[in-house]
Amino acid sequence: MTFSWIASYWSLLLAGAAQTVLLLVISVVFGFVLAIGLAFAQVSGGPLTQYLARGYCTFFRGTPLLIQLWLFYYGVGSLLPMIPGLRQSLFWPILREGFFFAAVSFTLNYAAYEAEVLRGALLAVPKGELEAGRAFGMRRFTLIWRIWLPRAIRIALPTIGGEIVMQLKATPLAFTVTVMDLYAVASKVRQDTLLVYEPLIVVTVFYLILTAIIARAFRLLEAQVPSRR
């Protein structure tokens, strides 16, 4: 095995790694915010809101992420140029890139899975803590922000860490819509040099290191956040 090619492709490798991390961060951050709304919609929303939230989660959890990605990229992406004036707008340089569609599809998919995790965590919060907050005269938003949501996140922390790792391992799918992530760079190296295993080993090591960092960060976070019994 030879890894001398890294000297020629190190800048592409760094750019691909940055694309991978950026895609992960965007999908996790925005997906988590959306998941909070979906979880509360299922737990404390009205009948219509619950139905819509459950339907959303069922659709995105019940269909392959690759299919969702292609539906956005090849389906929605082919319709966007038909919108009058969109090509001349400031948003077109972003909307025409595969990264945009990858970020959207990854975010929506992650939100569906995380919403189910948070739904279970919200239901697991002891009712006595919520009743104590109401007894102190807390309004609904204050009760959610100060007691219900923080307690649920603490309960779900180990699962949230696992979901982020799963999301990380899904990022190579972005390669299929022209996103130059780390796996795409490895494919380019394979095409240019006819080396098969070495580029994949580099990608594997990167994902292992990033997974270890995420796992370690969540262990430290769990240790810092005290659990209430």
C-alpha atoms as a PDB file:
ATOM      1  CA  MET A   1       0.000   0.000   0.000  1.00  0.00           C
ATOM      2  CA  THR A   2       1.127   3.516  -0.745  1.00  0.00           C
ATOM      3  CA  PHE A   3      -0.104   6.806   0.646  1.00  0.00           C
ATOM      4  CA  SER A   4       2.240   9.122  -1.246  1.00  0.00           C
ATOM      5  CA  TRP A   5      -0.757  10.443  -3.179  1.00  0.00           C
ATOM      6  CA  ILE A   6      -1.908  12.325  -0.058  1.00  0.00           C
ATOM      7  CA  ALA A   7       0.734  14.989  -0.741  1.00  0.00           C
ATOM      8  CA  SER A   8      -0.979  15.808  -4.043  1.00  0.00           C
ATOM      9  CA  TYR A   9      -4.560  15.603  -2.776  1.00  0.00           C
ATOM     10  CA  TRP A  10      -4.294  16.942   0.767  1.00  0.00           C
ATOM     11  CA  SER A  11      -6.053  20.224  -0.081  1.00  0.00           C
ATOM     12  CA  LEU A  12      -8.954  18.339  -1.685  1.00  0.00           C
ATOM     13  CA  LEU A  13      -9.088  15.992   1.286  1.00  0.00           C
ATOM     14  CA  LEU A  14      -9.317  18.902   3.709  1.00  0.00           C
ATOM     15  CA  ALA A  15     -12.007  20.579   1.611  1.00  0.00           C
ATOM     16  CA  GLY A  16     -13.946  17.319   1.427  1.00  0.00           C
ATOM     17  CA  ALA A  17     -13.662  16.806   5.179  1.00  0.00           C
ATOM     18  CA  ALA A  18     -14.904  20.365   5.735  1.00  0.00           C
ATOM     19  CA  GLN A  19     -17.893  19.700   3.465  1.00  0.00           C
ATOM     20  CA  THR A  20     -18.701  16.545   5.409  1.00  0.00           C
ATOM     21  CA  VAL A  21     -18.524  18.288   8.784  1.00  0.00           C
ATOM     22  CA  LEU A  22     -20.509  21.291   7.528  1.00  0.00           C
ATOM     23  CA  LEU A  23     -23.244  19.043   6.170  1.00  0.00           C
ATOM     24  CA  LEU A  24     -23.396  17.198   9.481  1.00  0.00           C
ATOM     25  CA  VAL A  25     -23.546  20.396  11.550  1.00  0.00           C
ATOM     26  CA  ILE A  26     -26.239  22.012   9.396  1.00  0.00           C
ATOM     27  CA  SER A  27     -28.474  18.941   9.359  1.00  0.00           C
ATOM     28  CA  VAL A  28     -28.083  18.271  13.090  1.00  0.00           C
ATOM     29  CA  VAL A  29     -28.609  21.862  14.267  1.00  0.00           C
ATOM     30  CA  PHE A  30     -31.589  22.731  12.076  1.00  0.00           C
ATOM     31  CA  GLY A  31     -32.962  19.201  12.278  1.00  0.00           C
ATOM     32  CA  PHE A  32     -32.902  19.278  16.075  1.00  0.00           C
ATOM     33  CA  VAL A  33     -34.796  22.574  16.172  1.00  0.00           C
ATOM     34  CA  LEU A  34     -37.416  21.146  13.832  1.00  0.00           C
ATOM     35  CA  ALA A  35     -37.540  17.936  15.876  1.00  0.00           C
ATOM     36  CA  ILE A  36     -38.444  19.879  19.020  1.00  0.00           C
ATOM     37  CA  GLY A  37     -41.505  21.320  17.311  1.00  0.00           C
ATOM     38  CA  LEU A  38     -42.496  17.925  15.896  1.00  0.00           C
ATOM     39  CA  ALA A  39     -42.093  16.236  19.270  1.00  0.00           C
ATOM     40  CA  PHE A  40     -44.238  18.759  21.106  1.00  0.00           C
ATOM     41  CA  ALA A  41     -46.800  18.621  18.302  1.00  0.00           C
ATOM     42  CA  GLN A  42     -47.164  14.884  18.896  1.00  0.00           C
ATOM     43  CA  VAL A  43     -47.195  15.096  22.678  1.00  0.00           C
ATOM     44  CA  SER A  44     -49.320  18.155  23.397  1.00  0.00           C
ATOM     45  CA  GLY A  45     -50.730  19.343  20.072  1.00  0.00           C
ATOM     46  CA  GLY A  46     -54.283  19.151  18.804  1.00  0.00           C
ATOM     47  CA  PRO A  47     -55.622  16.181  16.801  1.00  0.00           C
ATOM     48  CA  LEU A  48     -54.752  17.722  13.426  1.00  0.00           C
ATOM     49  CA  THR A  49     -51.294  18.816  14.578  1.00  0.00           C
ATOM     50  CA  GLN A  50     -50.567  15.365  15.988  1.00  0.00           C
ATOM     51  CA  TYR A  51     -51.723  13.709  12.764  1.00  0.00           C
ATOM     52  CA  LEU A  52     -49.529  15.932  10.595  1.00  0.00           C
ATOM     53  CA  ALA A  53     -46.465  15.493  12.821  1.00  0.00           C
ATOM     54  CA  ARG A  54     -46.878  11.727  12.930  1.00  0.00           C
ATOM     55  CA  GLY A  55     -47.382  11.624   9.174  1.00  0.00           C
ATOM     56  CA  TYR A  56     -44.199  13.604   8.659  1.00  0.00           C
ATOM     57  CA  CYS A  57     -42.179  11.288  10.887  1.00  0.00           C
ATOM     58  CA  THR A  58     -43.688   8.184   9.298  1.00  0.00           C
ATOM     59  CA  PHE A  59     -42.838   9.365   5.790  1.00  0.00           C
ATOM     60  CA  PHE A  60     -39.228  10.356   6.458  1.00  0.00           C
ATOM     61  CA  ARG A  61     -38.494   7.389   8.721  1.00  0.00           C
ATOM     62  CA  GLY A  62     -40.236   4.930   6.428  1.00  0.00           C
ATOM     63  CA  THR A  63     -38.484   5.806   3.163  1.00  0.00           C
ATOM     64  CA  PRO A  64     -34.761   5.495   2.336  1.00  0.00           C
ATOM     65  CA  LEU A  65     -32.695   8.650   2.741  1.00  0.00           C
ATOM     66  CA  LEU A  66     -31.194   8.117  -0.713  1.00  0.00           C
ATOM     67  CA  ILE A  67     -34.658   8.209  -2.294  1.00  0.00           C
ATOM     68  CA  GLN A  68     -35.515  11.382  -0.383  1.00  0.00           C
ATOM     69  CA  LEU A  69     -32.262  12.973  -1.519  1.00  0.00           C
ATOM     70  CA  TRP A  70     -32.908  12.138  -5.150  1.00  0.00           C
ATOM     71  CA  LEU A  71     -36.512  13.342  -4.936  1.00  0.00           C
ATOM     72  CA  PHE A  72     -35.292  16.728  -3.741  1.00  0.00           C
ATOM     73  CA  TYR A  73     -32.353  16.982  -6.122  1.00  0.00           C
ATOM     74  CA  TYR A  74     -33.855  15.588  -9.315  1.00  0.00           C
ATOM     75  CA  GLY A  75     -37.492  16.422  -8.560  1.00  0.00           C
ATOM     76  CA  VAL A  76     -37.614  19.775  -6.783  1.00  0.00           C
ATOM     77  CA  GLY A  77     -34.298  20.781  -8.323  1.00  0.00           C
ATOM     78  CA  SER A  78     -35.694  20.424 -11.822  1.00  0.00           C
ATOM     79  CA  LEU A  79     -38.685  22.617 -10.963  1.00  0.00           C
ATOM     80  CA  LEU A  80     -36.797  25.511  -9.379  1.00  0.00           C
ATOM     81  CA  PRO A  81     -35.440  26.927 -12.685  1.00  0.00           C
ATOM     82  CA  MET A  82     -39.053  27.277 -13.889  1.00  0.00           C
ATOM     83  CA  ILE A  83     -39.818  29.849 -11.194  1.00  0.00           C
ATOM     84  CA  PRO A  84     -39.740  33.286 -12.850  1.00  0.00           C
ATOM     85  CA  GLY A  85     -36.820  35.441 -11.789  1.00  0.00           C
ATOM     86  CA  LEU A  86     -35.198  32.812  -9.597  1.00  0.00           C
ATOM     87  CA  ARG A  87     -32.146  32.410 -11.823  1.00  0.00           C
ATOM     88  CA  GLN A  88     -31.464  36.139 -11.544  1.00  0.00           C
ATOM     89  CA  SER A  89     -31.922  36.252  -7.767  1.00  0.00           C
ATOM     90  CA  LEU A  90     -29.239  36.248  -5.092  1.00  0.00           C
ATOM     91  CA  PHE A  91     -30.384  32.803  -3.969  1.00  0.00           C
ATOM     92  CA  TRP A  92     -29.713  30.990  -7.239  1.00  0.00           C
ATOM     93  CA  PRO A  93     -25.974  30.348  -6.596  1.00  0.00           C
ATOM     94  CA  ILE A  94     -27.061  28.439  -3.478  1.00  0.00           C
ATOM     95  CA  LEU A  95     -30.171  26.745  -4.846  1.00  0.00           C
ATOM     96  CA  ARG A  96     -28.420  25.347  -7.891  1.00  0.00           C
ATOM     97  CA  GLU A  97     -25.819  23.459  -5.831  1.00  0.00           C
ATOM     98  CA  GLY A  98     -26.225  19.852  -4.787  1.00  0.00           C
ATOM     99  CA  PHE A  99     -25.064  20.785  -1.281  1.00  0.00           C
ATOM    100  CA  PHE A 100     -28.290  22.741  -0.721  1.00  0.00           C
ATOM    101  CA  PHE A 101     -30.500  19.770  -1.568  1.00  0.00           C
ATOM    102  CA  ALA A 102     -28.317  17.427   0.483  1.00  0.00           C
ATOM    103  CA  ALA A 103     -28.529  19.748   3.492  1.00  0.00           C
ATOM    104  CA  VAL A 104     -32.320  20.053   3.190  1.00  0.00           C
ATOM    105  CA  SER A 105     -32.968  16.336   2.779  1.00  0.00           C
ATOM    106  CA  PHE A 106     -30.544  15.391   5.563  1.00  0.00           C
ATOM    107  CA  THR A 107     -32.115  17.970   7.873  1.00  0.00           C
ATOM    108  CA  LEU A 108     -35.674  16.805   7.258  1.00  0.00           C
ATOM    109  CA  ASN A 109     -34.697  13.163   7.666  1.00  0.00           C
ATOM    110  CA  TYR A 110     -32.749  13.775  10.875  1.00  0.00           C
ATOM    111  CA  ALA A 111     -35.636  15.798  12.303  1.00  0.00           C
ATOM    112  CA  ALA A 112     -38.023  12.873  11.858  1.00  0.00           C
ATOM    113  CA  TYR A 113     -35.811  10.450  13.770  1.00  0.00           C
ATOM    114  CA  GLU A 114     -34.913  12.956  16.470  1.00  0.00           C
ATOM    115  CA  ALA A 115     -38.565  13.923  16.923  1.00  0.00           C
ATOM    116  CA  GLU A 116     -39.383  10.346  17.899  1.00  0.00           C
ATOM    117  CA  VAL A 117     -36.488  10.309  20.359  1.00  0.00           C
ATOM    118  CA  LEU A 118     -37.630  13.577  21.937  1.00  0.00           C
ATOM    119  CA  ARG A 119     -41.262  12.464  21.973  1.00  0.00           C
ATOM    120  CA  GLY A 120     -40.341   9.478  24.092  1.00  0.00           C
ATOM    121  CA  ALA A 121     -38.142  11.644  26.317  1.00  0.00           C
ATOM    122  CA  LEU A 122     -40.907  14.208  26.834  1.00  0.00           C
ATOM    123  CA  LEU A 123     -43.297  11.478  27.890  1.00  0.00           C
ATOM    124  CA  ALA A 124     -40.652  10.098  30.253  1.00  0.00           C
ATOM    125  CA  VAL A 125     -40.348  13.331  32.242  1.00  0.00           C
ATOM    126  CA  PRO A 126     -41.990  12.753  35.654  1.00  0.00           C
ATOM    127  CA  LYS A 127     -45.369  14.443  35.788  1.00  0.00           C
ATOM    128  CA  GLY A 128     -44.636  15.588  39.323  1.00  0.00           C
ATOM    129  CA  GLU A 129     -41.944  17.971  38.032  1.00  0.00           C
ATOM    130  CA  LEU A 130     -44.376  19.538  35.580  1.00  0.00           C
ATOM    131  CA  GLU A 131     -47.071  19.816  38.237  1.00  0.00           C
ATOM    132  CA  ALA A 132     -44.572  21.486  40.575  1.00  0.00           C
ATOM    133  CA  GLY A 133     -43.801  24.058  37.890  1.00  0.00           C
ATOM    134  CA  ARG A 134     -47.500  24.767  37.401  1.00  0.00           C
ATOM    135  CA  ALA A 135     -47.932  25.078  41.166  1.00  0.00           C
ATOM    136  CA  PHE A 136     -45.291  27.831  41.131  1.00  0.00           C
ATOM    137  CA  GLY A 137     -47.383  29.690  38.585  1.00  0.00           C
ATOM    138  CA  MET A 138     -45.195  29.049  35.540  1.00  0.00           C
ATOM    139  CA  ARG A 139     -46.765  29.791  32.213  1.00  0.00           C
ATOM    140  CA  ARG A 140     -46.748  27.101  29.552  1.00  0.00           C
ATOM    141  CA  PHE A 141     -43.768  28.499  27.626  1.00  0.00           C
ATOM    142  CA  THR A 142     -41.740  28.987  30.820  1.00  0.00           C
ATOM    143  CA  LEU A 143     -42.586  25.471  31.968  1.00  0.00           C
ATOM    144  CA  ILE A 144     -41.436  24.032  28.638  1.00  0.00           C
ATOM    145  CA  TRP A 145     -38.270  26.108  28.434  1.00  0.00           C
ATOM    146  CA  ARG A 146     -37.115  25.715  32.033  1.00  0.00           C
ATOM    147  CA  ILE A 147     -38.321  22.240  33.032  1.00  0.00           C
ATOM    148  CA  TRP A 148     -39.912  20.008  30.402  1.00  0.00           C
ATOM    149  CA  LEU A 149     -37.524  20.412  27.448  1.00  0.00           C
ATOM    150  CA  PRO A 150     -34.215  20.487  29.424  1.00  0.00           C
ATOM    151  CA  ARG A 151     -35.285  17.414  31.403  1.00  0.00           C
ATOM    152  CA  ALA A 152     -36.273  15.561  28.219  1.00  0.00           C
ATOM    153  CA  ILE A 153     -32.984  16.428  26.507  1.00  0.00           C
ATOM    154  CA  ARG A 154     -31.067  15.125  29.524  1.00  0.00           C
ATOM    155  CA  ILE A 155     -32.988  11.855  29.353  1.00  0.00           C
ATOM    156  CA  ALA A 156     -32.373  11.539  25.609  1.00  0.00           C
ATOM    157  CA  LEU A 157     -28.689  12.572  25.573  1.00  0.00           C
ATOM    158  CA  PRO A 158     -27.220   9.089  24.968  1.00  0.00           C
ATOM    159  CA  THR A 159     -29.661   8.445  22.129  1.00  0.00           C
ATOM    160  CA  ILE A 160     -29.068  11.886  20.624  1.00  0.00           C
ATOM    161  CA  GLY A 161     -25.346  11.157  20.485  1.00  0.00           C
ATOM    162  CA  GLY A 162     -26.037   7.900  18.705  1.00  0.00           C
ATOM    163  CA  GLU A 163     -28.327   9.603  16.198  1.00  0.00           C
ATOM    164  CA  ILE A 164     -25.630  12.163  15.385  1.00  0.00           C
ATOM    165  CA  VAL A 165     -23.172   9.344  14.687  1.00  0.00           C
ATOM    166  CA  MET A 166     -25.740   7.687  12.432  1.00  0.00           C
ATOM    167  CA  GLN A 167     -26.211  10.993  10.643  1.00  0.00           C
ATOM    168  CA  LEU A 168     -22.461  11.260  10.159  1.00  0.00           C
ATOM    169  CA  LYS A 169     -22.361   7.828   8.546  1.00  0.00           C
ATOM    170  CA  ALA A 170     -25.134   8.894   6.138  1.00  0.00           C
ATOM    171  CA  THR A 171     -23.210  11.882   4.774  1.00  0.00           C
ATOM    172  CA  PRO A 172     -21.425   9.925   1.982  1.00  0.00           C
ATOM    173  CA  LEU A 173     -24.804   9.751   0.217  1.00  0.00           C
ATOM    174  CA  ALA A 174     -24.316  13.415  -0.672  1.00  0.00           C
ATOM    175  CA  PHE A 175     -21.733  12.205  -3.181  1.00  0.00           C
ATOM    176  CA  THR A 176     -24.607  11.017  -5.387  1.00  0.00           C
ATOM    177  CA  VAL A 177     -25.782  14.615  -5.951  1.00  0.00           C
ATOM    178  CA  THR A 178     -22.366  16.062  -6.892  1.00  0.00           C
ATOM    179  CA  VAL A 179     -21.365  17.189  -3.391  1.00  0.00           C
ATOM    180  CA  MET A 180     -17.568  17.020  -3.044  1.00  0.00           C
ATOM    181  CA  ASP A 181     -17.486  15.573   0.431  1.00  0.00           C
ATOM    182  CA  LEU A 182     -14.652  13.385   1.680  1.00  0.00           C
ATOM    183  CA  TYR A 183     -16.028  10.252   0.051  1.00  0.00           C
ATOM    184  CA  ALA A 184     -16.318  12.081  -3.278  1.00  0.00           C
ATOM    185  CA  VAL A 185     -12.664  13.097  -2.997  1.00  0.00           C
ATOM    186  CA  ALA A 186     -11.732   9.479  -2.287  1.00  0.00           C
ATOM    187  CA  SER A 187     -13.605   8.446  -5.432  1.00  0.00           C
ATOM    188  CA  LYS A 188     -11.708  11.037  -7.445  1.00  0.00           C
ATOM    189  CA  VAL A 189      -8.406   9.753  -6.079  1.00  0.00           C
ATOM    190  CA  ARG A 190      -9.430   6.224  -7.036  1.00  0.00           C
ATOM    191  CA  GLN A 191     -10.241   7.309 -10.574  1.00  0.00           C
ATOM    192  CA  ASP A 192      -7.029   9.296 -10.967  1.00  0.00           C
ATOM    193  CA  THR A 193      -4.585   6.858  -9.396  1.00  0.00           C
ATOM    194  CA  LEU A 194      -6.403   3.506  -9.723  1.00  0.00           C
ATOM    195  CA  LEU A 195      -5.841   3.006  -5.999  1.00  0.00           C
ATOM    196  CA  VAL A 196      -8.862   1.395  -4.349  1.00  0.00           C
ATOM    197  CA  TYR A 197      -8.114   0.608  -0.724  1.00  0.00           C
ATOM    198  CA  GLU A 198      -5.886   3.490   0.330  1.00  0.00           C
ATOM    199  CA  PRO A 199      -8.420   6.308  -0.241  1.00  0.00           C
ATOM    200  CA  LEU A 200     -11.108   4.281   1.514  1.00  0.00           C
ATOM    201  CA  ILE A 201      -8.785   3.678   4.466  1.00  0.00           C
ATOM    202  CA  VAL A 202      -8.243   7.440   4.797  1.00  0.00           C
ATOM    203  CA  VAL A 203     -12.009   8.007   4.745  1.00  0.00           C
ATOM    204  CA  THR A 204     -12.523   5.250   7.303  1.00  0.00           C
ATOM    205  CA  VAL A 205      -9.952   6.731   9.679  1.00  0.00           C
ATOM    206  CA  PHE A 206     -11.571  10.171   9.376  1.00  0.00           C
ATOM    207  CA  TYR A 207     -15.009   8.819  10.258  1.00  0.00           C
ATOM    208  CA  LEU A 208     -13.625   6.794  13.149  1.00  0.00           C
ATOM    209  CA  ILE A 209     -11.873   9.843  14.593  1.00  0.00           C
ATOM    210  CA  LEU A 210     -14.957  12.038  14.216  1.00  0.00           C
ATOM    211  CA  THR A 211     -17.168   9.361  15.756  1.00  0.00           C
ATOM    212  CA  ALA A 212     -14.793   9.072  18.721  1.00  0.00           C
ATOM    213  CA  ILE A 213     -14.869  12.854  19.177  1.00  0.00           C
ATOM    214  CA  ILE A 214     -18.672  12.922  19.148  1.00  0.00           C
ATOM    215  CA  ALA A 215     -18.918  10.014  21.585  1.00  0.00           C
ATOM    216  CA  ARG A 216     -16.392  11.591  23.933  1.00  0.00           C
ATOM    217  CA  ALA A 217     -18.157  14.963  23.806  1.00  0.00           C
ATOM    218  CA  PHE A 218     -21.485  13.406  24.777  1.00  0.00           C
ATOM    219  CA  ARG A 219     -19.933  11.416  27.604  1.00  0.00           C
ATOM    220  CA  LEU A 220     -18.471  14.613  29.006  1.00  0.00           C
ATOM    221  CA  LEU A 221     -21.809  16.369  28.523  1.00  0.00           C
ATOM    222  CA  GLU A 222     -23.649  13.612  30.367  1.00  0.00           C
ATOM    223  CA  ALA A 223     -21.177  13.909  33.225  1.00  0.00           C
ATOM    224  CA  GLN A 224     -21.609  17.683  33.402  1.00  0.00           C
ATOM    225  CA  VAL A 225     -25.418  17.626  33.392  1.00  0.00           C
ATOM    226  CA  PRO A 226     -26.680  16.169  36.670  1.00  0.00           C
ATOM    227  CA  SER A 227     -29.580  13.765  36.512  1.00  0.00           C
ATOM    228  CA  ARG A 228     -32.548  14.366  38.744  1.00  0.00           C
ATOM    229  CA  ARG A 229     -34.051  11.389  40.531  1.00  0.00           C
END
